[in-house]
Amino acid sequence: SMLNGATKLIMMKSDVMDSFEEIKVCVGYEHEGQVSTAFPFELSDAYKPVYKTFKGWKTDTSKCTNAEDLPEELKQYISFIEETIGVPVVFVSVGPDREQTILRSPL
């Protein structure tokens, strides 16, 4: 995994993004016409972030009780995270209450 040996992830606060029109994820940095996925050690305005944009789900996820209830756009966003870092998102939090934590896949 690209995440310090983590083998599973918990996605918190997904409900905070319920009203977003779109969600941008930085997938690289462009410098002098070249794109790199490595974070530049030299912070400079010469490095421009490259974004992948996802359509927002514009749905109240706080009422979701299982993974099938999650909006398709959120499922796509989660799949992108999993594919990019190579680690499964096993829980998704859709609100502040303990009951608002959804198990997506077996532990």
PDB file of N, CA and C in Angstrom:
ATOM      1  N   SER A   1       0.828  -1.193   0.000  1.00  0.00           N
ATOM      2  CA  SER A   1       0.000   0.000   0.000  1.00  0.00           C
ATOM      3  C   SER A   1       0.868   1.251   0.000  1.00  0.00           C
ATOM      4  N   MET A   2       0.321   2.326  -0.486  1.00  0.00           N
ATOM      5  CA  MET A   2       1.038   3.602  -0.504  1.00  0.00           C
ATOM      6  C   MET A   2       0.836   4.356   0.810  1.00  0.00           C
ATOM      7  N   LEU A   3       0.173   3.739   1.769  1.00  0.00           N
ATOM      8  CA  LEU A   3      -0.238   4.447   2.968  1.00  0.00           C
ATOM      9  C   LEU A   3       0.416   3.888   4.222  1.00  0.00           C
ATOM     10  N   ASN A   4       1.718   3.909   4.296  1.00  0.00           N
ATOM     11  CA  ASN A   4       2.445   3.492   5.494  1.00  0.00           C
ATOM     12  C   ASN A   4       2.042   2.115   6.003  1.00  0.00           C
ATOM     13  N   GLY A   5       1.789   1.185   5.124  1.00  0.00           N
ATOM     14  CA  GLY A   5       1.470  -0.169   5.527  1.00  0.00           C
ATOM     15  C   GLY A   5       0.033  -0.394   5.958  1.00  0.00           C
ATOM     16  N   ALA A   6      -0.830   0.586   5.833  1.00  0.00           N
ATOM     17  CA  ALA A   6      -2.240   0.406   6.196  1.00  0.00           C
ATOM     18  C   ALA A   6      -2.858  -0.652   5.291  1.00  0.00           C
ATOM     19  N   THR A   7      -3.708  -1.489   5.866  1.00  0.00           N
ATOM     20  CA  THR A   7      -4.354  -2.538   5.082  1.00  0.00           C
ATOM     21  C   THR A   7      -5.854  -2.317   4.929  1.00  0.00           C
ATOM     22  N   LYS A   8      -6.402  -1.375   5.685  1.00  0.00           N
ATOM     23  CA  LYS A   8      -7.825  -1.042   5.610  1.00  0.00           C
ATOM     24  C   LYS A   8      -7.991   0.434   5.962  1.00  0.00           C
ATOM     25  N   LEU A   9      -9.028   1.058   5.380  1.00  0.00           N
ATOM     26  CA  LEU A   9      -9.306   2.466   5.663  1.00  0.00           C
ATOM     27  C   LEU A   9     -10.729   2.650   6.164  1.00  0.00           C
ATOM     28  N   ILE A  10     -10.915   3.717   6.930  1.00  0.00           N
ATOM     29  CA  ILE A  10     -12.236   4.175   7.338  1.00  0.00           C
ATOM     30  C   ILE A  10     -12.400   5.571   6.754  1.00  0.00           C
ATOM     31  N   MET A  11     -13.455   5.774   5.982  1.00  0.00           N
ATOM     32  CA  MET A  11     -13.720   7.091   5.401  1.00  0.00           C
ATOM     33  C   MET A  11     -14.678   7.829   6.323  1.00  0.00           C
ATOM     34  N   MET A  12     -14.179   8.890   6.931  1.00  0.00           N
ATOM     35  CA  MET A  12     -14.979   9.683   7.862  1.00  0.00           C
ATOM     36  C   MET A  12     -15.551  10.909   7.153  1.00  0.00           C
ATOM     37  N   LYS A  13     -16.660  11.410   7.689  1.00  0.00           N
ATOM     38  CA  LYS A  13     -17.248  12.684   7.271  1.00  0.00           C
ATOM     39  C   LYS A  13     -17.663  12.748   5.808  1.00  0.00           C
ATOM     40  N   SER A  14     -18.013  11.628   5.201  1.00  0.00           N
ATOM     41  CA  SER A  14     -18.465  11.688   3.806  1.00  0.00           C
ATOM     42  C   SER A  14     -19.725  12.537   3.682  1.00  0.00           C
ATOM     43  N   ASP A  15     -20.527  12.585   4.753  1.00  0.00           N
ATOM     44  CA  ASP A  15     -21.752  13.391   4.736  1.00  0.00           C
ATOM     45  C   ASP A  15     -21.464  14.885   4.607  1.00  0.00           C
ATOM     46  N   VAL A  16     -20.279  15.323   4.999  1.00  0.00           N
ATOM     47  CA  VAL A  16     -19.904  16.738   4.885  1.00  0.00           C
ATOM     48  C   VAL A  16     -19.880  17.154   3.413  1.00  0.00           C
ATOM     49  N   MET A  17     -19.638  16.197   2.518  1.00  0.00           N
ATOM     50  CA  MET A  17     -19.561  16.498   1.086  1.00  0.00           C
ATOM     51  C   MET A  17     -20.901  16.317   0.369  1.00  0.00           C
ATOM     52  N   ASP A  18     -21.974  16.047   1.117  1.00  0.00           N
ATOM     53  CA  ASP A  18     -23.290  15.797   0.514  1.00  0.00           C
ATOM     54  C   ASP A  18     -23.775  16.926  -0.393  1.00  0.00           C
ATOM     55  N   SER A  19     -23.408  18.156  -0.103  1.00  0.00           N
ATOM     56  CA  SER A  19     -23.927  19.293  -0.874  1.00  0.00           C
ATOM     57  C   SER A  19     -22.970  19.777  -1.963  1.00  0.00           C
ATOM     58  N   PHE A  20     -21.809  19.155  -2.082  1.00  0.00           N
ATOM     59  CA  PHE A  20     -20.822  19.612  -3.069  1.00  0.00           C
ATOM     60  C   PHE A  20     -21.295  19.316  -4.491  1.00  0.00           C
ATOM     61  N   GLU A  21     -21.136  20.287  -5.381  1.00  0.00           N
ATOM     62  CA  GLU A  21     -21.438  20.093  -6.806  1.00  0.00           C
ATOM     63  C   GLU A  21     -20.418  19.138  -7.426  1.00  0.00           C
ATOM     64  N   GLU A  22     -19.164  19.306  -7.016  1.00  0.00           N
ATOM     65  CA  GLU A  22     -18.090  18.455  -7.515  1.00  0.00           C
ATOM     66  C   GLU A  22     -17.024  18.323  -6.444  1.00  0.00           C
ATOM     67  N   ILE A  23     -16.222  17.279  -6.584  1.00  0.00           N
ATOM     68  CA  ILE A  23     -15.134  17.018  -5.648  1.00  0.00           C
ATOM     69  C   ILE A  23     -13.867  16.863  -6.471  1.00  0.00           C
ATOM     70  N   LYS A  24     -12.864  17.643  -6.124  1.00  0.00           N
ATOM     71  CA  LYS A  24     -11.597  17.574  -6.842  1.00  0.00           C
ATOM     72  C   LYS A  24     -10.571  16.850  -5.981  1.00  0.00           C
ATOM     73  N   VAL A  25      -9.852  15.925  -6.615  1.00  0.00           N
ATOM     74  CA  VAL A  25      -8.792  15.179  -5.950  1.00  0.00           C
ATOM     75  C   VAL A  25      -7.503  15.451  -6.710  1.00  0.00           C
ATOM     76  N   CYS A  26      -6.484  15.896  -5.991  1.00  0.00           N
ATOM     77  CA  CYS A  26      -5.191  16.135  -6.629  1.00  0.00           C
ATOM     78  C   CYS A  26      -4.545  14.784  -6.931  1.00  0.00           C
ATOM     79  N   VAL A  27      -4.236  14.567  -8.219  1.00  0.00           N
ATOM     80  CA  VAL A  27      -3.656  13.290  -8.642  1.00  0.00           C
ATOM     81  C   VAL A  27      -2.223  13.430  -9.134  1.00  0.00           C
ATOM     82  N   GLY A  28      -1.716  14.658  -9.132  1.00  0.00           N
ATOM     83  CA  GLY A  28      -0.350  14.876  -9.588  1.00  0.00           C
ATOM     84  C   GLY A  28      -0.001  16.348  -9.575  1.00  0.00           C
ATOM     85  N   TYR A  29       1.224  16.627 -10.021  1.00  0.00           N
ATOM     86  CA  TYR A  29       1.730  18.000 -10.062  1.00  0.00           C
ATOM     87  C   TYR A  29       2.424  18.216 -11.394  1.00  0.00           C
ATOM     88  N   GLU A  30       2.063  19.312 -12.060  1.00  0.00           N
ATOM     89  CA  GLU A  30       2.681  19.636 -13.339  1.00  0.00           C
ATOM     90  C   GLU A  30       3.788  20.655 -13.126  1.00  0.00           C
ATOM     91  N   HIS A  31       4.938  20.373 -13.730  1.00  0.00           N
ATOM     92  CA  HIS A  31       6.088  21.273 -13.639  1.00  0.00           C
ATOM     93  C   HIS A  31       6.828  21.223 -14.964  1.00  0.00           C
ATOM     94  N   GLU A  32       6.923  22.354 -15.604  1.00  0.00           N
ATOM     95  CA  GLU A  32       7.618  22.468 -16.892  1.00  0.00           C
ATOM     96  C   GLU A  32       7.108  21.448 -17.909  1.00  0.00           C
ATOM     97  N   GLY A  33       5.780  21.292 -17.959  1.00  0.00           N
ATOM     98  CA  GLY A  33       5.160  20.408 -18.945  1.00  0.00           C
ATOM     99  C   GLY A  33       5.141  18.939 -18.586  1.00  0.00           C
ATOM    100  N   GLN A  34       5.754  18.570 -17.478  1.00  0.00           N
ATOM    101  CA  GLN A  34       5.794  17.172 -17.029  1.00  0.00           C
ATOM    102  C   GLN A  34       4.867  17.000 -15.826  1.00  0.00           C
ATOM    103  N   VAL A  35       4.153  15.884 -15.795  1.00  0.00           N
ATOM    104  CA  VAL A  35       3.276  15.593 -14.662  1.00  0.00           C
ATOM    105  C   VAL A  35       3.888  14.465 -13.843  1.00  0.00           C
ATOM    106  N   SER A  36       3.958  14.688 -12.540  1.00  0.00           N
ATOM    107  CA  SER A  36       4.484  13.686 -11.614  1.00  0.00           C
ATOM    108  C   SER A  36       3.437  13.409 -10.547  1.00  0.00           C
ATOM    109  N   THR A  37       3.355  12.161 -10.099  1.00  0.00           N
ATOM    110  CA  THR A  37       2.439  11.832  -9.013  1.00  0.00           C
ATOM    111  C   THR A  37       3.105  12.003  -7.653  1.00  0.00           C
ATOM    112  N   ALA A  38       4.407  12.221  -7.642  1.00  0.00           N
ATOM    113  CA  ALA A  38       5.137  12.429  -6.388  1.00  0.00           C
ATOM    114  C   ALA A  38       4.949  13.869  -5.917  1.00  0.00           C
ATOM    115  N   PHE A  39       4.744  14.030  -4.623  1.00  0.00           N
ATOM    116  CA  PHE A  39       4.609  15.371  -4.057  1.00  0.00           C
ATOM    117  C   PHE A  39       5.954  16.084  -4.156  1.00  0.00           C
ATOM    118  N   PRO A  40       5.972  17.297  -4.705  1.00  0.00           N
ATOM    119  CA  PRO A  40       7.254  18.003  -4.863  1.00  0.00           C
ATOM    120  C   PRO A  40       7.814  18.449  -3.510  1.00  0.00           C
ATOM    121  N   PHE A  41       9.078  18.143  -3.282  1.00  0.00           N
ATOM    122  CA  PHE A  41       9.722  18.572  -2.037  1.00  0.00           C
ATOM    123  C   PHE A  41       9.940  20.074  -2.037  1.00  0.00           C
ATOM    124  N   GLU A  42      10.153  20.627  -3.208  1.00  0.00           N
ATOM    125  CA  GLU A  42      10.369  22.063  -3.347  1.00  0.00           C
ATOM    126  C   GLU A  42       9.019  22.730  -3.595  1.00  0.00           C
ATOM    127  N   LEU A  43       8.478  23.376  -2.573  1.00  0.00           N
ATOM    128  CA  LEU A  43       7.195  24.052  -2.738  1.00  0.00           C
ATOM    129  C   LEU A  43       7.415  25.339  -3.510  1.00  0.00           C
ATOM    130  N   SER A  44       6.724  25.447  -4.621  1.00  0.00           N
ATOM    131  CA  SER A  44       6.920  26.583  -5.505  1.00  0.00           C
ATOM    132  C   SER A  44       5.670  26.770  -6.350  1.00  0.00           C
ATOM    133  N   ASP A  45       5.415  28.004  -6.757  1.00  0.00           N
ATOM    134  CA  ASP A  45       4.291  28.270  -7.653  1.00  0.00           C
ATOM    135  C   ASP A  45       4.506  27.648  -9.024  1.00  0.00           C
ATOM    136  N   ALA A  46       5.720  27.171  -9.295  1.00  0.00           N
ATOM    137  CA  ALA A  46       6.018  26.536 -10.579  1.00  0.00           C
ATOM    138  C   ALA A  46       5.338  25.169 -10.692  1.00  0.00           C
ATOM    139  N   TYR A  47       4.932  24.587  -9.557  1.00  0.00           N
ATOM    140  CA  TYR A  47       4.234  23.307  -9.545  1.00  0.00           C
ATOM    141  C   TYR A  47       2.736  23.577  -9.483  1.00  0.00           C
ATOM    142  N   LYS A  48       2.016  23.055 -10.446  1.00  0.00           N
ATOM    143  CA  LYS A  48       0.565  23.246 -10.505  1.00  0.00           C
ATOM    144  C   LYS A  48      -0.129  21.913 -10.241  1.00  0.00           C
ATOM    145  N   PRO A  49      -1.107  21.905  -9.340  1.00  0.00           N
ATOM    146  CA  PRO A  49      -1.817  20.653  -9.079  1.00  0.00           C
ATOM    147  C   PRO A  49      -2.624  20.204 -10.298  1.00  0.00           C
ATOM    148  N   VAL A  50      -2.686  18.893 -10.478  1.00  0.00           N
ATOM    149  CA  VAL A  50      -3.503  18.281 -11.525  1.00  0.00           C
ATOM    150  C   VAL A  50      -4.643  17.569 -10.798  1.00  0.00           C
ATOM    151  N   TYR A  51      -5.874  17.899 -11.156  1.00  0.00           N
ATOM    152  CA  TYR A  51      -7.033  17.365 -10.449  1.00  0.00           C
ATOM    153  C   TYR A  51      -7.828  16.379 -11.292  1.00  0.00           C
ATOM    154  N   LYS A  52      -8.384  15.393 -10.607  1.00  0.00           N
ATOM    155  CA  LYS A  52      -9.434  14.552 -11.183  1.00  0.00           C
ATOM    156  C   LYS A  52     -10.710  15.044 -10.509  1.00  0.00           C
ATOM    157  N   THR A  53     -11.714  15.340 -11.300  1.00  0.00           N
ATOM    158  CA  THR A  53     -12.950  15.901 -10.764  1.00  0.00           C
ATOM    159  C   THR A  53     -14.060  14.856 -10.781  1.00  0.00           C
ATOM    160  N   PHE A  54     -14.721  14.738  -9.644  1.00  0.00           N
ATOM    161  CA  PHE A  54     -15.847  13.820  -9.500  1.00  0.00           C
ATOM    162  C   PHE A  54     -17.127  14.622  -9.335  1.00  0.00           C
ATOM    163  N   LYS A  55     -18.204  14.110  -9.889  1.00  0.00           N
ATOM    164  CA  LYS A  55     -19.514  14.727  -9.716  1.00  0.00           C
ATOM    165  C   LYS A  55     -19.952  14.501  -8.265  1.00  0.00           C
ATOM    166  N   GLY A  56     -20.452  15.559  -7.621  1.00  0.00           N
ATOM    167  CA  GLY A  56     -20.962  15.421  -6.260  1.00  0.00           C
ATOM    168  C   GLY A  56     -22.241  14.603  -6.244  1.00  0.00           C
ATOM    169  N   TRP A  57     -22.577  14.053  -5.090  1.00  0.00           N
ATOM    170  CA  TRP A  57     -23.757  13.192  -5.034  1.00  0.00           C
ATOM    171  C   TRP A  57     -25.020  13.961  -4.679  1.00  0.00           C
ATOM    172  N   LYS A  58     -24.897  15.156  -4.123  1.00  0.00           N
ATOM    173  CA  LYS A  58     -26.046  16.028  -3.860  1.00  0.00           C
ATOM    174  C   LYS A  58     -27.224  15.263  -3.238  1.00  0.00           C
ATOM    175  N   THR A  59     -26.904  14.393  -2.292  1.00  0.00           N
ATOM    176  CA  THR A  59     -27.891  13.540  -1.637  1.00  0.00           C
ATOM    177  C   THR A  59     -27.574  13.492  -0.150  1.00  0.00           C
ATOM    178  N   ASP A  60     -28.598  13.438   0.671  1.00  0.00           N
ATOM    179  CA  ASP A  60     -28.407  13.316   2.114  1.00  0.00           C
ATOM    180  C   ASP A  60     -28.024  11.872   2.434  1.00  0.00           C
ATOM    181  N   THR A  61     -26.738  11.644   2.673  1.00  0.00           N
ATOM    182  CA  THR A  61     -26.274  10.279   2.957  1.00  0.00           C
ATOM    183  C   THR A  61     -26.498   9.872   4.413  1.00  0.00           C
ATOM    184  N   SER A  62     -26.882  10.817   5.268  1.00  0.00           N
ATOM    185  CA  SER A  62     -27.034  10.504   6.694  1.00  0.00           C
ATOM    186  C   SER A  62     -28.131   9.474   6.944  1.00  0.00           C
ATOM    187  N   LYS A  63     -29.002   9.269   5.982  1.00  0.00           N
ATOM    188  CA  LYS A  63     -30.087   8.288   6.122  1.00  0.00           C
ATOM    189  C   LYS A  63     -29.688   6.901   5.598  1.00  0.00           C
ATOM    190  N   CYS A  64     -28.535   6.793   4.970  1.00  0.00           N
ATOM    191  CA  CYS A  64     -28.077   5.503   4.435  1.00  0.00           C
ATOM    192  C   CYS A  64     -27.758   4.552   5.585  1.00  0.00           C
ATOM    193  N   THR A  65     -28.162   3.301   5.431  1.00  0.00           N
ATOM    194  CA  THR A  65     -27.911   2.319   6.490  1.00  0.00           C
ATOM    195  C   THR A  65     -27.035   1.157   6.030  1.00  0.00           C
ATOM    196  N   ASN A  66     -26.797   1.051   4.723  1.00  0.00           N
ATOM    197  CA  ASN A  66     -25.904   0.006   4.221  1.00  0.00           C
ATOM    198  C   ASN A  66     -25.224   0.499   2.950  1.00  0.00           C
ATOM    199  N   ALA A  67     -24.224  -0.232   2.508  1.00  0.00           N
ATOM    200  CA  ALA A  67     -23.410   0.193   1.363  1.00  0.00           C
ATOM    201  C   ALA A  67     -24.235   0.338   0.090  1.00  0.00           C
ATOM    202  N   GLU A  68     -25.272  -0.466  -0.065  1.00  0.00           N
ATOM    203  CA  GLU A  68     -26.111  -0.386  -1.264  1.00  0.00           C
ATOM    204  C   GLU A  68     -26.881   0.928  -1.319  1.00  0.00           C
ATOM    205  N   ASP A  69     -27.163   1.524  -0.153  1.00  0.00           N
ATOM    206  CA  ASP A  69     -27.908   2.790  -0.092  1.00  0.00           C
ATOM    207  C   ASP A  69     -27.080   3.995  -0.537  1.00  0.00           C
ATOM    208  N   LEU A  70     -25.758   3.871  -0.533  1.00  0.00           N
ATOM    209  CA  LEU A  70     -24.898   5.015  -0.858  1.00  0.00           C
ATOM    210  C   LEU A  70     -25.113   5.446  -2.306  1.00  0.00           C
ATOM    211  N   PRO A  71     -25.092   6.762  -2.564  1.00  0.00           N
ATOM    212  CA  PRO A  71     -25.262   7.240  -3.936  1.00  0.00           C
ATOM    213  C   PRO A  71     -24.149   6.727  -4.850  1.00  0.00           C
ATOM    214  N   GLU A  72     -24.483   6.512  -6.110  1.00  0.00           N
ATOM    215  CA  GLU A  72     -23.532   5.967  -7.078  1.00  0.00           C
ATOM    216  C   GLU A  72     -22.275   6.830  -7.176  1.00  0.00           C
ATOM    217  N   GLU A  73     -22.440   8.152  -7.111  1.00  0.00           N
ATOM    218  CA  GLU A  73     -21.290   9.058  -7.213  1.00  0.00           C
ATOM    219  C   GLU A  73     -20.330   8.866  -6.041  1.00  0.00           C
ATOM    220  N   LEU A  74     -20.860   8.632  -4.845  1.00  0.00           N
ATOM    221  CA  LEU A  74     -20.010   8.367  -3.679  1.00  0.00           C
ATOM    222  C   LEU A  74     -19.311   7.016  -3.837  1.00  0.00           C
ATOM    223  N   LYS A  75     -20.017   6.031  -4.345  1.00  0.00           N
ATOM    224  CA  LYS A  75     -19.403   4.717  -4.584  1.00  0.00           C
ATOM    225  C   LYS A  75     -18.236   4.842  -5.566  1.00  0.00           C
ATOM    226  N   GLN A  76     -18.421   5.650  -6.613  1.00  0.00           N
ATOM    227  CA  GLN A  76     -17.355   5.849  -7.597  1.00  0.00           C
ATOM    228  C   GLN A  76     -16.153   6.549  -6.963  1.00  0.00           C
ATOM    229  N   TYR A  77     -16.417   7.536  -6.113  1.00  0.00           N
ATOM    230  CA  TYR A  77     -15.355   8.266  -5.417  1.00  0.00           C
ATOM    231  C   TYR A  77     -14.562   7.310  -4.516  1.00  0.00           C
ATOM    232  N   ILE A  78     -15.266   6.480  -3.775  1.00  0.00           N
ATOM    233  CA  ILE A  78     -14.614   5.509  -2.892  1.00  0.00           C
ATOM    234  C   ILE A  78     -13.797   4.507  -3.713  1.00  0.00           C
ATOM    235  N   SER A  79     -14.346   4.028  -4.809  1.00  0.00           N
ATOM    236  CA  SER A  79     -13.613   3.088  -5.674  1.00  0.00           C
ATOM    237  C   SER A  79     -12.329   3.710  -6.194  1.00  0.00           C
ATOM    238  N   PHE A  80     -12.393   4.987  -6.567  1.00  0.00           N
ATOM    239  CA  PHE A  80     -11.197   5.684  -7.037  1.00  0.00           C
ATOM    240  C   PHE A  80     -10.131   5.711  -5.940  1.00  0.00           C
ATOM    241  N   ILE A  81     -10.528   6.030  -4.717  1.00  0.00           N
ATOM    242  CA  ILE A  81      -9.580   6.064  -3.595  1.00  0.00           C
ATOM    243  C   ILE A  81      -8.945   4.686  -3.416  1.00  0.00           C
ATOM    244  N   GLU A  82      -9.777   3.649  -3.405  1.00  0.00           N
ATOM    245  CA  GLU A  82      -9.273   2.287  -3.217  1.00  0.00           C
ATOM    246  C   GLU A  82      -8.299   1.888  -4.321  1.00  0.00           C
ATOM    247  N   GLU A  83      -8.659   2.163  -5.564  1.00  0.00           N
ATOM    248  CA  GLU A  83      -7.803   1.794  -6.696  1.00  0.00           C
ATOM    249  C   GLU A  83      -6.499   2.584  -6.684  1.00  0.00           C
ATOM    250  N   THR A  84      -6.578   3.850  -6.299  1.00  0.00           N
ATOM    251  CA  THR A  84      -5.399   4.714  -6.324  1.00  0.00           C
ATOM    252  C   THR A  84      -4.376   4.322  -5.269  1.00  0.00           C
ATOM    253  N   ILE A  85      -4.846   4.029  -4.055  1.00  0.00           N
ATOM    254  CA  ILE A  85      -3.888   3.727  -2.987  1.00  0.00           C
ATOM    255  C   ILE A  85      -3.741   2.233  -2.711  1.00  0.00           C
ATOM    256  N   GLY A  86      -4.610   1.427  -3.315  1.00  0.00           N
ATOM    257  CA  GLY A  86      -4.488  -0.018  -3.159  1.00  0.00           C
ATOM    258  C   GLY A  86      -4.900  -0.540  -1.801  1.00  0.00           C
ATOM    259  N   VAL A  87      -5.795   0.183  -1.126  1.00  0.00           N
ATOM    260  CA  VAL A  87      -6.258  -0.220   0.197  1.00  0.00           C
ATOM    261  C   VAL A  87      -7.783  -0.105   0.222  1.00  0.00           C
ATOM    262  N   PRO A  88      -8.495  -1.125   0.724  1.00  0.00           N
ATOM    263  CA  PRO A  88      -9.956  -1.046   0.742  1.00  0.00           C
ATOM    264  C   PRO A  88     -10.489  -0.104   1.819  1.00  0.00           C
ATOM    265  N   VAL A  89     -11.572   0.585   1.479  1.00  0.00           N
ATOM    266  CA  VAL A  89     -12.317   1.397   2.448  1.00  0.00           C
ATOM    267  C   VAL A  89     -13.385   0.465   3.012  1.00  0.00           C
ATOM    268  N   VAL A  90     -13.219   0.036   4.265  1.00  0.00           N
ATOM    269  CA  VAL A  90     -14.140  -0.948   4.834  1.00  0.00           C
ATOM    270  C   VAL A  90     -15.311  -0.311   5.573  1.00  0.00           C
ATOM    271  N   PHE A  91     -15.116   0.892   6.100  1.00  0.00           N
ATOM    272  CA  PHE A  91     -16.195   1.613   6.767  1.00  0.00           C
ATOM    273  C   PHE A  91     -16.358   2.983   6.136  1.00  0.00           C
ATOM    274  N   VAL A  92     -17.609   3.451   6.062  1.00  0.00           N
ATOM    275  CA  VAL A  92     -17.903   4.810   5.607  1.00  0.00           C
ATOM    276  C   VAL A  92     -18.808   5.448   6.645  1.00  0.00           C
ATOM    277  N   SER A  93     -18.376   6.575   7.181  1.00  0.00           N
ATOM    278  CA  SER A  93     -19.171   7.315   8.151  1.00  0.00           C
ATOM    279  C   SER A  93     -20.049   8.314   7.403  1.00  0.00           C
ATOM    280  N   VAL A  94     -21.363   8.291   7.696  1.00  0.00           N
ATOM    281  CA  VAL A  94     -22.298   9.204   7.036  1.00  0.00           C
ATOM    282  C   VAL A  94     -22.974  10.152   8.029  1.00  0.00           C
ATOM    283  N   GLY A  95     -22.400  10.272   9.216  1.00  0.00           N
ATOM    284  CA  GLY A  95     -22.945  11.166  10.234  1.00  0.00           C
ATOM    285  C   GLY A  95     -22.216  10.985  11.548  1.00  0.00           C
ATOM    286  N   PRO A  96     -22.569  11.808  12.537  1.00  0.00           N
ATOM    287  CA  PRO A  96     -21.841  11.805  13.808  1.00  0.00           C
ATOM    288  C   PRO A  96     -22.170  10.636  14.742  1.00  0.00           C
ATOM    289  N   ASP A  97     -23.305   9.977  14.542  1.00  0.00           N
ATOM    290  CA  ASP A  97     -23.704   8.905  15.447  1.00  0.00           C
ATOM    291  C   ASP A  97     -23.032   7.583  15.092  1.00  0.00           C
ATOM    292  N   ARG A  98     -22.830   6.773  16.105  1.00  0.00           N
ATOM    293  CA  ARG A  98     -22.204   5.465  15.912  1.00  0.00           C
ATOM    294  C   ARG A  98     -22.978   4.624  14.887  1.00  0.00           C
ATOM    295  N   GLU A  99     -24.308   4.754  14.905  1.00  0.00           N
ATOM    296  CA  GLU A  99     -25.154   3.992  13.985  1.00  0.00           C
ATOM    297  C   GLU A  99     -25.025   4.465  12.537  1.00  0.00           C
ATOM    298  N   GLN A 100     -24.352   5.577  12.330  1.00  0.00           N
ATOM    299  CA  GLN A 100     -24.189   6.124  10.982  1.00  0.00           C
ATOM    300  C   GLN A 100     -22.843   5.722  10.368  1.00  0.00           C
ATOM    301  N   THR A 101     -22.312   4.609  10.814  1.00  0.00           N
ATOM    302  CA  THR A 101     -21.082   4.058  10.251  1.00  0.00           C
ATOM    303  C   THR A 101     -21.451   2.780   9.513  1.00  0.00           C
ATOM    304  N   ILE A 102     -21.159   2.766   8.227  1.00  0.00           N
ATOM    305  CA  ILE A 102     -21.565   1.662   7.359  1.00  0.00           C
ATOM    306  C   ILE A 102     -20.376   0.748   7.083  1.00  0.00           C
ATOM    307  N   LEU A 103     -20.586  -0.552   7.279  1.00  0.00           N
ATOM    308  CA  LEU A 103     -19.583  -1.557   6.924  1.00  0.00           C
ATOM    309  C   LEU A 103     -19.754  -1.863   5.438  1.00  0.00           C
ATOM    310  N   ARG A 104     -18.698  -1.643   4.649  1.00  0.00           N
ATOM    311  CA  ARG A 104     -18.755  -1.892   3.199  1.00  0.00           C
ATOM    312  C   ARG A 104     -18.287  -3.281   2.829  1.00  0.00           C
ATOM    313  N   SER A 105     -17.323  -3.795   3.565  1.00  0.00           N
ATOM    314  CA  SER A 105     -16.788  -5.119   3.252  1.00  0.00           C
ATOM    315  C   SER A 105     -16.339  -5.778   4.547  1.00  0.00           C
ATOM    316  N   PRO A 106     -16.305  -7.095   4.568  1.00  0.00           N
ATOM    317  CA  PRO A 106     -15.926  -7.802   5.799  1.00  0.00           C
ATOM    318  C   PRO A 106     -14.513  -7.440   6.259  1.00  0.00           C
ATOM    319  N   LEU A 107     -14.339  -7.457   7.569  1.00  0.00           N
ATOM    320  CA  LEU A 107     -13.019  -7.195   8.138  1.00  0.00           C
ATOM    321  C   LEU A 107     -12.191  -8.439   7.994  1.00  0.00           C
TER     322      LEU A 107
END
